[in-house]
Amino acid sequence: MDSTLMDSAQLALVFIHLLGMAAVVGGYFAGIRSVPKRLSAGIVHGSLLQLVSGVLLLGLAEMGTEPVSHAKFGIKIALTIVLLLISWPRRRDQEIPSGTYHAVGILAITNVAIAVFVK
């Protein structure tokens, strides 16, 4: 694949990935004080967007010349899958337990921290 095309695809995917992250983390903080706790569409669909764009970014990284941290990507994908397994079945619930709501937020924030601080 042409280097310019690959760079453009990677930038577009990073942009999409960041939008998904903003939807999940922003949705979590927007609803943190609400009672009853409920998962917004942004949280649920943002986490799905994160998974798809993250796997595509991993594929592009594998095609590049830089070494890929499989442990980092594996942990991030595993956290996102757990987040989806928690949130997707509860996406239409009018109320979820507070602990479940905060687990979703903690998983998302942990994923962001891994992205930023782990090389």
PDB file of N, CA and C in Angstrom:
ATOM      1  N   MET A   1       0.854  -1.181   0.000  1.00  0.00           N
ATOM      2  CA  MET A   1       0.000   0.000   0.000  1.00  0.00           C
ATOM      3  C   MET A   1       0.893   1.235   0.000  1.00  0.00           C
ATOM      4  N   ASP A   2       0.502   2.231  -0.780  1.00  0.00           N
ATOM      5  CA  ASP A   2       1.241   3.480  -0.875  1.00  0.00           C
ATOM      6  C   ASP A   2       1.352   4.129   0.505  1.00  0.00           C
ATOM      7  N   SER A   3       2.530   4.670   0.801  1.00  0.00           N
ATOM      8  CA  SER A   3       2.795   5.261   2.108  1.00  0.00           C
ATOM      9  C   SER A   3       1.842   6.415   2.418  1.00  0.00           C
ATOM     10  N   THR A   4       1.577   7.263   1.434  1.00  0.00           N
ATOM     11  CA  THR A   4       0.674   8.393   1.648  1.00  0.00           C
ATOM     12  C   THR A   4      -0.744   7.918   1.920  1.00  0.00           C
ATOM     13  N   LEU A   5      -1.190   6.919   1.180  1.00  0.00           N
ATOM     14  CA  LEU A   5      -2.527   6.364   1.376  1.00  0.00           C
ATOM     15  C   LEU A   5      -2.633   5.702   2.748  1.00  0.00           C
ATOM     16  N   MET A   6      -1.580   4.988   3.138  1.00  0.00           N
ATOM     17  CA  MET A   6      -1.574   4.339   4.447  1.00  0.00           C
ATOM     18  C   MET A   6      -1.582   5.372   5.574  1.00  0.00           C
ATOM     19  N   ASP A   7      -0.825   6.439   5.419  1.00  0.00           N
ATOM     20  CA  ASP A   7      -0.816   7.506   6.420  1.00  0.00           C
ATOM     21  C   ASP A   7      -2.189   8.170   6.520  1.00  0.00           C
ATOM     22  N   SER A   8      -2.818   8.409   5.391  1.00  0.00           N
ATOM     23  CA  SER A   8      -4.147   9.017   5.382  1.00  0.00           C
ATOM     24  C   SER A   8      -5.170   8.102   6.040  1.00  0.00           C
ATOM     25  N   ALA A   9      -5.106   6.806   5.738  1.00  0.00           N
ATOM     26  CA  ALA A   9      -6.024   5.844   6.347  1.00  0.00           C
ATOM     27  C   ALA A   9      -5.808   5.786   7.854  1.00  0.00           C
ATOM     28  N   GLN A  10      -4.554   5.808   8.274  1.00  0.00           N
ATOM     29  CA  GLN A  10      -4.254   5.761   9.699  1.00  0.00           C
ATOM     30  C   GLN A  10      -4.772   7.015  10.406  1.00  0.00           C
ATOM     31  N   LEU A  11      -4.573   8.181   9.807  1.00  0.00           N
ATOM     32  CA  LEU A  11      -5.071   9.419  10.414  1.00  0.00           C
ATOM     33  C   LEU A  11      -6.596   9.416  10.510  1.00  0.00           C
ATOM     34  N   ALA A  12      -7.268   8.941   9.472  1.00  0.00           N
ATOM     35  CA  ALA A  12      -8.732   8.868   9.494  1.00  0.00           C
ATOM     36  C   ALA A  12      -9.205   7.917  10.587  1.00  0.00           C
ATOM     37  N   LEU A  13      -8.534   6.783  10.716  1.00  0.00           N
ATOM     38  CA  LEU A  13      -8.915   5.820  11.748  1.00  0.00           C
ATOM     39  C   LEU A  13      -8.634   6.345  13.154  1.00  0.00           C
ATOM     40  N   VAL A  14      -7.530   7.047  13.330  1.00  0.00           N
ATOM     41  CA  VAL A  14      -7.243   7.645  14.640  1.00  0.00           C
ATOM     42  C   VAL A  14      -8.322   8.664  14.983  1.00  0.00           C
ATOM     43  N   PHE A  15      -8.734   9.464  14.005  1.00  0.00           N
ATOM     44  CA  PHE A  15      -9.800  10.442  14.201  1.00  0.00           C
ATOM     45  C   PHE A  15     -11.094   9.750  14.630  1.00  0.00           C
ATOM     46  N   ILE A  16     -11.471   8.697  13.934  1.00  0.00           N
ATOM     47  CA  ILE A  16     -12.679   7.938  14.262  1.00  0.00           C
ATOM     48  C   ILE A  16     -12.545   7.302  15.648  1.00  0.00           C
ATOM     49  N   HIS A  17     -11.364   6.773  15.936  1.00  0.00           N
ATOM     50  CA  HIS A  17     -11.110   6.140  17.234  1.00  0.00           C
ATOM     51  C   HIS A  17     -11.265   7.165  18.370  1.00  0.00           C
ATOM     52  N   LEU A  18     -10.744   8.365  18.153  1.00  0.00           N
ATOM     53  CA  LEU A  18     -10.865   9.420  19.164  1.00  0.00           C
ATOM     54  C   LEU A  18     -12.313   9.874  19.339  1.00  0.00           C
ATOM     55  N   LEU A  19     -13.076   9.905  18.261  1.00  0.00           N
ATOM     56  CA  LEU A  19     -14.499  10.237  18.373  1.00  0.00           C
ATOM     57  C   LEU A  19     -15.232   9.191  19.214  1.00  0.00           C
ATOM     58  N   GLY A  20     -14.905   7.920  19.000  1.00  0.00           N
ATOM     59  CA  GLY A  20     -15.503   6.858  19.805  1.00  0.00           C
ATOM     60  C   GLY A  20     -15.136   6.994  21.266  1.00  0.00           C
ATOM     61  N   MET A  21     -13.879   7.305  21.531  1.00  0.00           N
ATOM     62  CA  MET A  21     -13.421   7.499  22.912  1.00  0.00           C
ATOM     63  C   MET A  21     -14.143   8.672  23.550  1.00  0.00           C
ATOM     64  N   ALA A  22     -14.296   9.755  22.807  1.00  0.00           N
ATOM     65  CA  ALA A  22     -14.992  10.922  23.338  1.00  0.00           C
ATOM     66  C   ALA A  22     -16.446  10.598  23.654  1.00  0.00           C
ATOM     67  N   ALA A  23     -17.083   9.790  22.812  1.00  0.00           N
ATOM     68  CA  ALA A  23     -18.482   9.412  23.052  1.00  0.00           C
ATOM     69  C   ALA A  23     -18.610   8.578  24.323  1.00  0.00           C
ATOM     70  N   VAL A  24     -17.681   7.650  24.524  1.00  0.00           N
ATOM     71  CA  VAL A  24     -17.755   6.775  25.699  1.00  0.00           C
ATOM     72  C   VAL A  24     -17.425   7.554  26.974  1.00  0.00           C
ATOM     73  N   VAL A  25     -16.287   8.192  27.008  1.00  0.00           N
ATOM     74  CA  VAL A  25     -15.856   8.899  28.222  1.00  0.00           C
ATOM     75  C   VAL A  25     -16.753  10.119  28.477  1.00  0.00           C
ATOM     76  N   GLY A  26     -17.088  10.853  27.429  1.00  0.00           N
ATOM     77  CA  GLY A  26     -17.972  12.003  27.586  1.00  0.00           C
ATOM     78  C   GLY A  26     -19.360  11.589  28.043  1.00  0.00           C
ATOM     79  N   GLY A  27     -19.870  10.493  27.469  1.00  0.00           N
ATOM     80  CA  GLY A  27     -21.171   9.983  27.888  1.00  0.00           C
ATOM     81  C   GLY A  27     -21.172   9.540  29.336  1.00  0.00           C
ATOM     82  N   TYR A  28     -20.074   8.938  29.748  1.00  0.00           N
ATOM     83  CA  TYR A  28     -19.953   8.509  31.146  1.00  0.00           C
ATOM     84  C   TYR A  28     -19.995   9.717  32.082  1.00  0.00           C
ATOM     85  N   PHE A  29     -19.169  10.717  31.804  1.00  0.00           N
ATOM     86  CA  PHE A  29     -19.127  11.884  32.678  1.00  0.00           C
ATOM     87  C   PHE A  29     -20.423  12.701  32.609  1.00  0.00           C
ATOM     88  N   ALA A  30     -21.075  12.718  31.451  1.00  0.00           N
ATOM     89  CA  ALA A  30     -22.333  13.459  31.325  1.00  0.00           C
ATOM     90  C   ALA A  30     -23.431  12.847  32.193  1.00  0.00           C
ATOM     91  N   GLY A  31     -23.399  11.535  32.372  1.00  0.00           N
ATOM     92  CA  GLY A  31     -24.439  10.876  33.138  1.00  0.00           C
ATOM     93  C   GLY A  31     -24.048  10.483  34.544  1.00  0.00           C
ATOM     94  N   ILE A  32     -22.885  10.918  34.991  1.00  0.00           N
ATOM     95  CA  ILE A  32     -22.366  10.454  36.280  1.00  0.00           C
ATOM     96  C   ILE A  32     -23.262  10.865  37.453  1.00  0.00           C
ATOM     97  N   ARG A  33     -23.946  11.994  37.353  1.00  0.00           N
ATOM     98  CA  ARG A  33     -24.780  12.469  38.458  1.00  0.00           C
ATOM     99  C   ARG A  33     -26.253  12.117  38.261  1.00  0.00           C
ATOM    100  N   SER A  34     -26.591  11.522  37.115  1.00  0.00           N
ATOM    101  CA  SER A  34     -27.999  11.239  36.853  1.00  0.00           C
ATOM    102  C   SER A  34     -28.491  10.048  37.670  1.00  0.00           C
ATOM    103  N   VAL A  35     -29.768  10.122  38.033  1.00  0.00           N
ATOM    104  CA  VAL A  35     -30.426   9.037  38.747  1.00  0.00           C
ATOM    105  C   VAL A  35     -31.757   8.838  38.054  1.00  0.00           C
ATOM    106  N   PRO A  36     -32.103   7.678  37.612  1.00  0.00           N
ATOM    107  CA  PRO A  36     -31.350   6.429  37.684  1.00  0.00           C
ATOM    108  C   PRO A  36     -30.226   6.406  36.648  1.00  0.00           C
ATOM    109  N   LYS A  37     -29.265   5.530  36.877  1.00  0.00           N
ATOM    110  CA  LYS A  37     -28.151   5.368  35.948  1.00  0.00           C
ATOM    111  C   LYS A  37     -28.664   4.678  34.690  1.00  0.00           C
ATOM    112  N   ARG A  38     -28.197   5.173  33.548  1.00  0.00           N
ATOM    113  CA  ARG A  38     -28.604   4.616  32.262  1.00  0.00           C
ATOM    114  C   ARG A  38     -27.455   4.805  31.286  1.00  0.00           C
ATOM    115  N   LEU A  39     -27.231   3.819  30.421  1.00  0.00           N
ATOM    116  CA  LEU A  39     -26.186   3.938  29.414  1.00  0.00           C
ATOM    117  C   LEU A  39     -26.722   4.702  28.217  1.00  0.00           C
ATOM    118  N   SER A  40     -26.017   5.726  27.818  1.00  0.00           N
ATOM    119  CA  SER A  40     -26.437   6.498  26.645  1.00  0.00           C
ATOM    120  C   SER A  40     -26.052   5.739  25.380  1.00  0.00           C
ATOM    121  N   ALA A  41     -26.691   6.134  24.282  1.00  0.00           N
ATOM    122  CA  ALA A  41     -26.353   5.534  22.989  1.00  0.00           C
ATOM    123  C   ALA A  41     -24.894   5.836  22.638  1.00  0.00           C
ATOM    124  N   GLY A  42     -24.412   7.001  23.054  1.00  0.00           N
ATOM    125  CA  GLY A  42     -23.022   7.355  22.781  1.00  0.00           C
ATOM    126  C   GLY A  42     -22.038   6.405  23.431  1.00  0.00           C
ATOM    127  N   ILE A  43     -22.335   5.993  24.648  1.00  0.00           N
ATOM    128  CA  ILE A  43     -21.451   5.059  25.338  1.00  0.00           C
ATOM    129  C   ILE A  43     -21.429   3.720  24.614  1.00  0.00           C
ATOM    130  N   VAL A  44     -22.602   3.216  24.289  1.00  0.00           N
ATOM    131  CA  VAL A  44     -22.691   1.892  23.669  1.00  0.00           C
ATOM    132  C   VAL A  44     -22.111   1.902  22.261  1.00  0.00           C
ATOM    133  N   HIS A  45     -22.529   2.838  21.436  1.00  0.00           N
ATOM    134  CA  HIS A  45     -22.052   2.866  20.059  1.00  0.00           C
ATOM    135  C   HIS A  45     -20.613   3.356  19.956  1.00  0.00           C
ATOM    136  N   GLY A  46     -20.210   4.221  20.872  1.00  0.00           N
ATOM    137  CA  GLY A  46     -18.818   4.662  20.897  1.00  0.00           C
ATOM    138  C   GLY A  46     -17.869   3.517  21.206  1.00  0.00           C
ATOM    139  N   SER A  47     -18.280   2.621  22.104  1.00  0.00           N
ATOM    140  CA  SER A  47     -17.421   1.475  22.423  1.00  0.00           C
ATOM    141  C   SER A  47     -17.337   0.515  21.241  1.00  0.00           C
ATOM    142  N   LEU A  48     -18.416   0.371  20.496  1.00  0.00           N
ATOM    143  CA  LEU A  48     -18.375  -0.466  19.289  1.00  0.00           C
ATOM    144  C   LEU A  48     -17.466   0.172  18.235  1.00  0.00           C
ATOM    145  N   LEU A  49     -17.563   1.481  18.091  1.00  0.00           N
ATOM    146  CA  LEU A  49     -16.695   2.212  17.172  1.00  0.00           C
ATOM    147  C   LEU A  49     -15.232   2.069  17.580  1.00  0.00           C
ATOM    148  N   GLN A  50     -14.970   2.091  18.881  1.00  0.00           N
ATOM    149  CA  GLN A  50     -13.615   1.913  19.394  1.00  0.00           C
ATOM    150  C   GLN A  50     -13.053   0.551  19.005  1.00  0.00           C
ATOM    151  N   LEU A  51     -13.873  -0.492  19.165  1.00  0.00           N
ATOM    152  CA  LEU A  51     -13.407  -1.843  18.847  1.00  0.00           C
ATOM    153  C   LEU A  51     -13.074  -1.967  17.367  1.00  0.00           C
ATOM    154  N   VAL A  52     -13.981  -1.541  16.506  1.00  0.00           N
ATOM    155  CA  VAL A  52     -13.774  -1.684  15.062  1.00  0.00           C
ATOM    156  C   VAL A  52     -12.577  -0.856  14.606  1.00  0.00           C
ATOM    157  N   SER A  53     -12.522   0.415  15.003  1.00  0.00           N
ATOM    158  CA  SER A  53     -11.402   1.260  14.569  1.00  0.00           C
ATOM    159  C   SER A  53     -10.085   0.799  15.188  1.00  0.00           C
ATOM    160  N   GLY A  54     -10.125   0.285  16.421  1.00  0.00           N
ATOM    161  CA  GLY A  54      -8.901  -0.209  17.057  1.00  0.00           C
ATOM    162  C   GLY A  54      -8.327  -1.431  16.347  1.00  0.00           C
ATOM    163  N   VAL A  55      -9.201  -2.350  15.948  1.00  0.00           N
ATOM    164  CA  VAL A  55      -8.730  -3.537  15.221  1.00  0.00           C
ATOM    165  C   VAL A  55      -8.167  -3.128  13.857  1.00  0.00           C
ATOM    166  N   LEU A  56      -8.821  -2.186  13.186  1.00  0.00           N
ATOM    167  CA  LEU A  56      -8.304  -1.703  11.898  1.00  0.00           C
ATOM    168  C   LEU A  56      -6.966  -0.983  12.075  1.00  0.00           C
ATOM    169  N   LEU A  57      -6.834  -0.207  13.142  1.00  0.00           N
ATOM    170  CA  LEU A  57      -5.547   0.450  13.418  1.00  0.00           C
ATOM    171  C   LEU A  57      -4.447  -0.573  13.688  1.00  0.00           C
ATOM    172  N   LEU A  58      -4.795  -1.643  14.388  1.00  0.00           N
ATOM    173  CA  LEU A  58      -3.819  -2.711  14.615  1.00  0.00           C
ATOM    174  C   LEU A  58      -3.383  -3.324  13.293  1.00  0.00           C
ATOM    175  N   GLY A  59      -4.338  -3.555  12.400  1.00  0.00           N
ATOM    176  CA  GLY A  59      -3.996  -4.093  11.084  1.00  0.00           C
ATOM    177  C   GLY A  59      -3.057  -3.187  10.324  1.00  0.00           C
ATOM    178  N   LEU A  60      -3.311  -1.889  10.354  1.00  0.00           N
ATOM    179  CA  LEU A  60      -2.405  -0.946   9.684  1.00  0.00           C
ATOM    180  C   LEU A  60      -1.041  -0.917  10.356  1.00  0.00           C
ATOM    181  N   ALA A  61      -1.023  -0.995  11.679  1.00  0.00           N
ATOM    182  CA  ALA A  61       0.258  -0.995  12.400  1.00  0.00           C
ATOM    183  C   ALA A  61       1.081  -2.222  12.030  1.00  0.00           C
ATOM    184  N   GLU A  62       0.419  -3.348  11.859  1.00  0.00           N
ATOM    185  CA  GLU A  62       1.124  -4.580  11.470  1.00  0.00           C
ATOM    186  C   GLU A  62       1.742  -4.457  10.080  1.00  0.00           C
ATOM    187  N   MET A  63       1.123  -3.647   9.223  1.00  0.00           N
ATOM    188  CA  MET A  63       1.640  -3.461   7.862  1.00  0.00           C
ATOM    189  C   MET A  63       2.829  -2.498   7.825  1.00  0.00           C
ATOM    190  N   GLY A  64       3.009  -1.708   8.885  1.00  0.00           N
ATOM    191  CA  GLY A  64       4.077  -0.715   8.918  1.00  0.00           C
ATOM    192  C   GLY A  64       5.423  -1.326   9.269  1.00  0.00           C
ATOM    193  N   THR A  65       6.400  -0.450   9.393  1.00  0.00           N
ATOM    194  CA  THR A  65       7.762  -0.896   9.679  1.00  0.00           C
ATOM    195  C   THR A  65       8.105  -0.849  11.165  1.00  0.00           C
ATOM    196  N   GLU A  66       7.316  -0.098  11.948  1.00  0.00           N
ATOM    197  CA  GLU A  66       7.564   0.019  13.389  1.00  0.00           C
ATOM    198  C   GLU A  66       7.107  -1.250  14.114  1.00  0.00           C
ATOM    199  N   PRO A  67       7.812  -1.631  15.188  1.00  0.00           N
ATOM    200  CA  PRO A  67       7.364  -2.788  15.967  1.00  0.00           C
ATOM    201  C   PRO A  67       6.038  -2.478  16.666  1.00  0.00           C
ATOM    202  N   VAL A  68       5.200  -3.499  16.784  1.00  0.00           N
ATOM    203  CA  VAL A  68       3.869  -3.354  17.376  1.00  0.00           C
ATOM    204  C   VAL A  68       3.866  -4.000  18.757  1.00  0.00           C
ATOM    205  N   SER A  69       3.314  -3.288  19.748  1.00  0.00           N
ATOM    206  CA  SER A  69       3.187  -3.833  21.094  1.00  0.00           C
ATOM    207  C   SER A  69       1.909  -4.671  21.157  1.00  0.00           C
ATOM    208  N   HIS A  70       2.067  -5.973  20.959  1.00  0.00           N
ATOM    209  CA  HIS A  70       0.907  -6.861  20.963  1.00  0.00           C
ATOM    210  C   HIS A  70       0.255  -6.929  22.343  1.00  0.00           C
ATOM    211  N   ALA A  71       1.039  -6.787  23.384  1.00  0.00           N
ATOM    212  CA  ALA A  71       0.480  -6.797  24.741  1.00  0.00           C
ATOM    213  C   ALA A  71      -0.444  -5.592  24.929  1.00  0.00           C
ATOM    214  N   LYS A  72       0.011  -4.416  24.514  1.00  0.00           N
ATOM    215  CA  LYS A  72      -0.801  -3.204  24.640  1.00  0.00           C
ATOM    216  C   LYS A  72      -2.100  -3.344  23.860  1.00  0.00           C
ATOM    217  N   PHE A  73      -2.002  -3.732  22.586  1.00  0.00           N
ATOM    218  CA  PHE A  73      -3.196  -3.876  21.766  1.00  0.00           C
ATOM    219  C   PHE A  73      -4.111  -4.963  22.310  1.00  0.00           C
ATOM    220  N   GLY A  74      -3.525  -6.056  22.778  1.00  0.00           N
ATOM    221  CA  GLY A  74      -4.332  -7.154  23.326  1.00  0.00           C
ATOM    222  C   GLY A  74      -5.113  -6.735  24.551  1.00  0.00           C
ATOM    223  N   ILE A  75      -4.468  -6.007  25.437  1.00  0.00           N
ATOM    224  CA  ILE A  75      -5.141  -5.537  26.648  1.00  0.00           C
ATOM    225  C   ILE A  75      -6.236  -4.540  26.291  1.00  0.00           C
ATOM    226  N   LYS A  76      -5.936  -3.612  25.374  1.00  0.00           N
ATOM    227  CA  LYS A  76      -6.933  -2.616  24.978  1.00  0.00           C
ATOM    228  C   LYS A  76      -8.138  -3.265  24.302  1.00  0.00           C
ATOM    229  N   ILE A  77      -7.908  -4.228  23.446  1.00  0.00           N
ATOM    230  CA  ILE A  77      -9.018  -4.918  22.785  1.00  0.00           C
ATOM    231  C   ILE A  77      -9.815  -5.728  23.800  1.00  0.00           C
ATOM    232  N   ALA A  78      -9.129  -6.387  24.721  1.00  0.00           N
ATOM    233  CA  ALA A  78      -9.830  -7.171  25.753  1.00  0.00           C
ATOM    234  C   ALA A  78     -10.701  -6.258  26.623  1.00  0.00           C
ATOM    235  N   LEU A  79     -10.179  -5.104  27.029  1.00  0.00           N
ATOM    236  CA  LEU A  79     -10.966  -4.163  27.835  1.00  0.00           C
ATOM    237  C   LEU A  79     -12.197  -3.673  27.060  1.00  0.00           C
ATOM    238  N   THR A  80     -12.005  -3.403  25.778  1.00  0.00           N
ATOM    239  CA  THR A  80     -13.123  -2.931  24.967  1.00  0.00           C
ATOM    240  C   THR A  80     -14.177  -4.017  24.794  1.00  0.00           C
ATOM    241  N   ILE A  81     -13.754  -5.251  24.631  1.00  0.00           N
ATOM    242  CA  ILE A  81     -14.709  -6.354  24.515  1.00  0.00           C
ATOM    243  C   ILE A  81     -15.489  -6.522  25.817  1.00  0.00           C
ATOM    244  N   VAL A  82     -14.807  -6.439  26.953  1.00  0.00           N
ATOM    245  CA  VAL A  82     -15.498  -6.527  28.246  1.00  0.00           C
ATOM    246  C   VAL A  82     -16.488  -5.368  28.377  1.00  0.00           C
ATOM    247  N   LEU A  83     -16.059  -4.164  27.992  1.00  0.00           N
ATOM    248  CA  LEU A  83     -16.943  -3.000  28.037  1.00  0.00           C
ATOM    249  C   LEU A  83     -18.187  -3.246  27.179  1.00  0.00           C
ATOM    250  N   LEU A  84     -18.000  -3.801  25.994  1.00  0.00           N
ATOM    251  CA  LEU A  84     -19.141  -4.105  25.123  1.00  0.00           C
ATOM    252  C   LEU A  84     -20.024  -5.206  25.706  1.00  0.00           C
ATOM    253  N   LEU A  85     -19.411  -6.210  26.315  1.00  0.00           N
ATOM    254  CA  LEU A  85     -20.200  -7.291  26.915  1.00  0.00           C
ATOM    255  C   LEU A  85     -21.040  -6.784  28.088  1.00  0.00           C
ATOM    256  N   ILE A  86     -20.566  -5.765  28.760  1.00  0.00           N
ATOM    257  CA  ILE A  86     -21.336  -5.164  29.850  1.00  0.00           C
ATOM    258  C   ILE A  86     -22.416  -4.236  29.298  1.00  0.00           C
ATOM    259  N   SER A  87     -22.050  -3.408  28.336  1.00  0.00           N
ATOM    260  CA  SER A  87     -22.958  -2.344  27.906  1.00  0.00           C
ATOM    261  C   SER A  87     -23.985  -2.774  26.860  1.00  0.00           C
ATOM    262  N   TRP A  88     -23.616  -3.588  25.899  1.00  0.00           N
ATOM    263  CA  TRP A  88     -24.531  -3.907  24.797  1.00  0.00           C
ATOM    264  C   TRP A  88     -25.840  -4.545  25.276  1.00  0.00           C
ATOM    265  N   PRO A  89     -25.799  -5.558  26.149  1.00  0.00           N
ATOM    266  CA  PRO A  89     -27.081  -6.141  26.593  1.00  0.00           C
ATOM    267  C   PRO A  89     -27.939  -5.169  27.411  1.00  0.00           C
ATOM    268  N   ARG A  90     -27.341  -4.131  27.959  1.00  0.00           N
ATOM    269  CA  ARG A  90     -28.073  -3.186  28.806  1.00  0.00           C
ATOM    270  C   ARG A  90     -28.379  -1.874  28.094  1.00  0.00           C
ATOM    271  N   ARG A  91     -28.173  -1.838  26.790  1.00  0.00           N
ATOM    272  CA  ARG A  91     -28.312  -0.583  26.047  1.00  0.00           C
ATOM    273  C   ARG A  91     -29.729  -0.023  26.053  1.00  0.00           C
ATOM    274  N   ARG A  92     -30.729  -0.849  26.235  1.00  0.00           N
ATOM    275  CA  ARG A  92     -32.114  -0.368  26.240  1.00  0.00           C
ATOM    276  C   ARG A  92     -32.722  -0.326  27.642  1.00  0.00           C
ATOM    277  N   ASP A  93     -31.965  -0.746  28.636  1.00  0.00           N
ATOM    278  CA  ASP A  93     -32.474  -0.743  30.010  1.00  0.00           C
ATOM    279  C   ASP A  93     -32.734   0.696  30.468  1.00  0.00           C
ATOM    280  N   GLN A  94     -33.840   0.896  31.142  1.00  0.00           N
ATOM    281  CA  GLN A  94     -34.173   2.217  31.665  1.00  0.00           C
ATOM    282  C   GLN A  94     -33.356   2.552  32.907  1.00  0.00           C
ATOM    283  N   GLU A  95     -32.811   1.512  33.546  1.00  0.00           N
ATOM    284  CA  GLU A  95     -31.993   1.720  34.737  1.00  0.00           C
ATOM    285  C   GLU A  95     -31.012   0.566  34.867  1.00  0.00           C
ATOM    286  N   ILE A  96     -29.774   0.899  35.216  1.00  0.00           N
ATOM    287  CA  ILE A  96     -28.765  -0.129  35.480  1.00  0.00           C
ATOM    288  C   ILE A  96     -28.164   0.147  36.854  1.00  0.00           C
ATOM    289  N   PRO A  97     -27.585  -0.876  37.473  1.00  0.00           N
ATOM    290  CA  PRO A  97     -26.942  -0.647  38.773  1.00  0.00           C
ATOM    291  C   PRO A  97     -25.801   0.365  38.658  1.00  0.00           C
ATOM    292  N   SER A  98     -25.635   1.138  39.696  1.00  0.00           N
ATOM    293  CA  SER A  98     -24.589   2.153  39.731  1.00  0.00           C
ATOM    294  C   SER A  98     -23.202   1.537  39.511  1.00  0.00           C
ATOM    295  N   GLY A  99     -22.970   0.364  40.113  1.00  0.00           N
ATOM    296  CA  GLY A  99     -21.679  -0.300  39.954  1.00  0.00           C
ATOM    297  C   GLY A  99     -21.389  -0.673  38.511  1.00  0.00           C
ATOM    298  N   THR A 100     -22.415  -1.107  37.796  1.00  0.00           N
ATOM    299  CA  THR A 100     -22.258  -1.439  36.378  1.00  0.00           C
ATOM    300  C   THR A 100     -21.922  -0.197  35.575  1.00  0.00           C
ATOM    301  N   TYR A 101     -22.619   0.885  35.864  1.00  0.00           N
ATOM    302  CA  TYR A 101     -22.372   2.155  35.179  1.00  0.00           C
ATOM    303  C   TYR A 101     -20.930   2.608  35.395  1.00  0.00           C
ATOM    304  N   HIS A 102     -20.470   2.548  36.625  1.00  0.00           N
ATOM    305  CA  HIS A 102     -19.109   2.995  36.919  1.00  0.00           C
ATOM    306  C   HIS A 102     -18.064   2.021  36.372  1.00  0.00           C
ATOM    307  N   ALA A 103     -18.382   0.749  36.291  1.00  0.00           N
ATOM    308  CA  ALA A 103     -17.459  -0.219  35.689  1.00  0.00           C
ATOM    309  C   ALA A 103     -17.207   0.130  34.229  1.00  0.00           C
ATOM    310  N   VAL A 104     -18.264   0.522  33.522  1.00  0.00           N
ATOM    311  CA  VAL A 104     -18.115   0.933  32.123  1.00  0.00           C
ATOM    312  C   VAL A 104     -17.183   2.144  32.029  1.00  0.00           C
ATOM    313  N   GLY A 105     -17.382   3.127  32.888  1.00  0.00           N
ATOM    314  CA  GLY A 105     -16.538   4.316  32.878  1.00  0.00           C
ATOM    315  C   GLY A 105     -15.098   4.017  33.228  1.00  0.00           C
ATOM    316  N   ILE A 106     -14.893   3.179  34.231  1.00  0.00           N
ATOM    317  CA  ILE A 106     -13.531   2.831  34.645  1.00  0.00           C
ATOM    318  C   ILE A 106     -12.814   2.057  33.545  1.00  0.00           C
ATOM    319  N   LEU A 107     -13.516   1.139  32.879  1.00  0.00           N
ATOM    320  CA  LEU A 107     -12.900   0.402  31.769  1.00  0.00           C
ATOM    321  C   LEU A 107     -12.491   1.355  30.653  1.00  0.00           C
ATOM    322  N   ALA A 108     -13.358   2.305  30.326  1.00  0.00           N
ATOM    323  CA  ALA A 108     -13.054   3.261  29.252  1.00  0.00           C
ATOM    324  C   ALA A 108     -11.870   4.153  29.614  1.00  0.00           C
ATOM    325  N   ILE A 109     -11.867   4.655  30.832  1.00  0.00           N
ATOM    326  CA  ILE A 109     -10.777   5.539  31.263  1.00  0.00           C
ATOM    327  C   ILE A 109      -9.463   4.763  31.359  1.00  0.00           C
ATOM    328  N   THR A 110      -9.526   3.522  31.802  1.00  0.00           N
ATOM    329  CA  THR A 110      -8.328   2.680  31.843  1.00  0.00           C
ATOM    330  C   THR A 110      -7.779   2.465  30.442  1.00  0.00           C
ATOM    331  N   ASN A 111      -8.677   2.264  29.481  1.00  0.00           N
ATOM    332  CA  ASN A 111      -8.254   2.082  28.096  1.00  0.00           C
ATOM    333  C   ASN A 111      -7.554   3.330  27.564  1.00  0.00           C
ATOM    334  N   VAL A 112      -8.067   4.494  27.898  1.00  0.00           N
ATOM    335  CA  VAL A 112      -7.426   5.750  27.483  1.00  0.00           C
ATOM    336  C   VAL A 112      -6.054   5.876  28.135  1.00  0.00           C
ATOM    337  N   ALA A 113      -5.961   5.548  29.419  1.00  0.00           N
ATOM    338  CA  ALA A 113      -4.677   5.643  30.129  1.00  0.00           C
ATOM    339  C   ALA A 113      -3.637   4.705  29.504  1.00  0.00           C
ATOM    340  N   ILE A 114      -4.056   3.507  29.143  1.00  0.00           N
ATOM    341  CA  ILE A 114      -3.124   2.573  28.492  1.00  0.00           C
ATOM    342  C   ILE A 114      -2.660   3.128  27.159  1.00  0.00           C
ATOM    343  N   ALA A 115      -3.579   3.712  26.403  1.00  0.00           N
ATOM    344  CA  ALA A 115      -3.217   4.287  25.104  1.00  0.00           C
ATOM    345  C   ALA A 115      -2.192   5.400  25.258  1.00  0.00           C
ATOM    346  N   VAL A 116      -2.337   6.205  26.294  1.00  0.00           N
ATOM    347  CA  VAL A 116      -1.466   7.366  26.463  1.00  0.00           C
ATOM    348  C   VAL A 116      -0.130   6.997  27.105  1.00  0.00           C
ATOM    349  N   PHE A 117      -0.158   6.166  28.140  1.00  0.00           N
ATOM    350  CA  PHE A 117       1.040   5.976  28.964  1.00  0.00           C
ATOM    351  C   PHE A 117       1.854   4.721  28.648  1.00  0.00           C
ATOM    352  N   VAL A 118       1.307   3.754  27.914  1.00  0.00           N
ATOM    353  CA  VAL A 118       2.053   2.531  27.612  1.00  0.00           C
ATOM    354  C   VAL A 118       2.597   2.612  26.203  1.00  0.00           C
ATOM    355  N   LYS A 119       3.860   2.327  26.069  1.00  0.00           N
ATOM    356  CA  LYS A 119       4.507   2.354  24.744  1.00  0.00           C
ATOM    357  C   LYS A 119       4.418   1.032  24.058  1.00  0.00           C
TER     358      LYS A 119
END
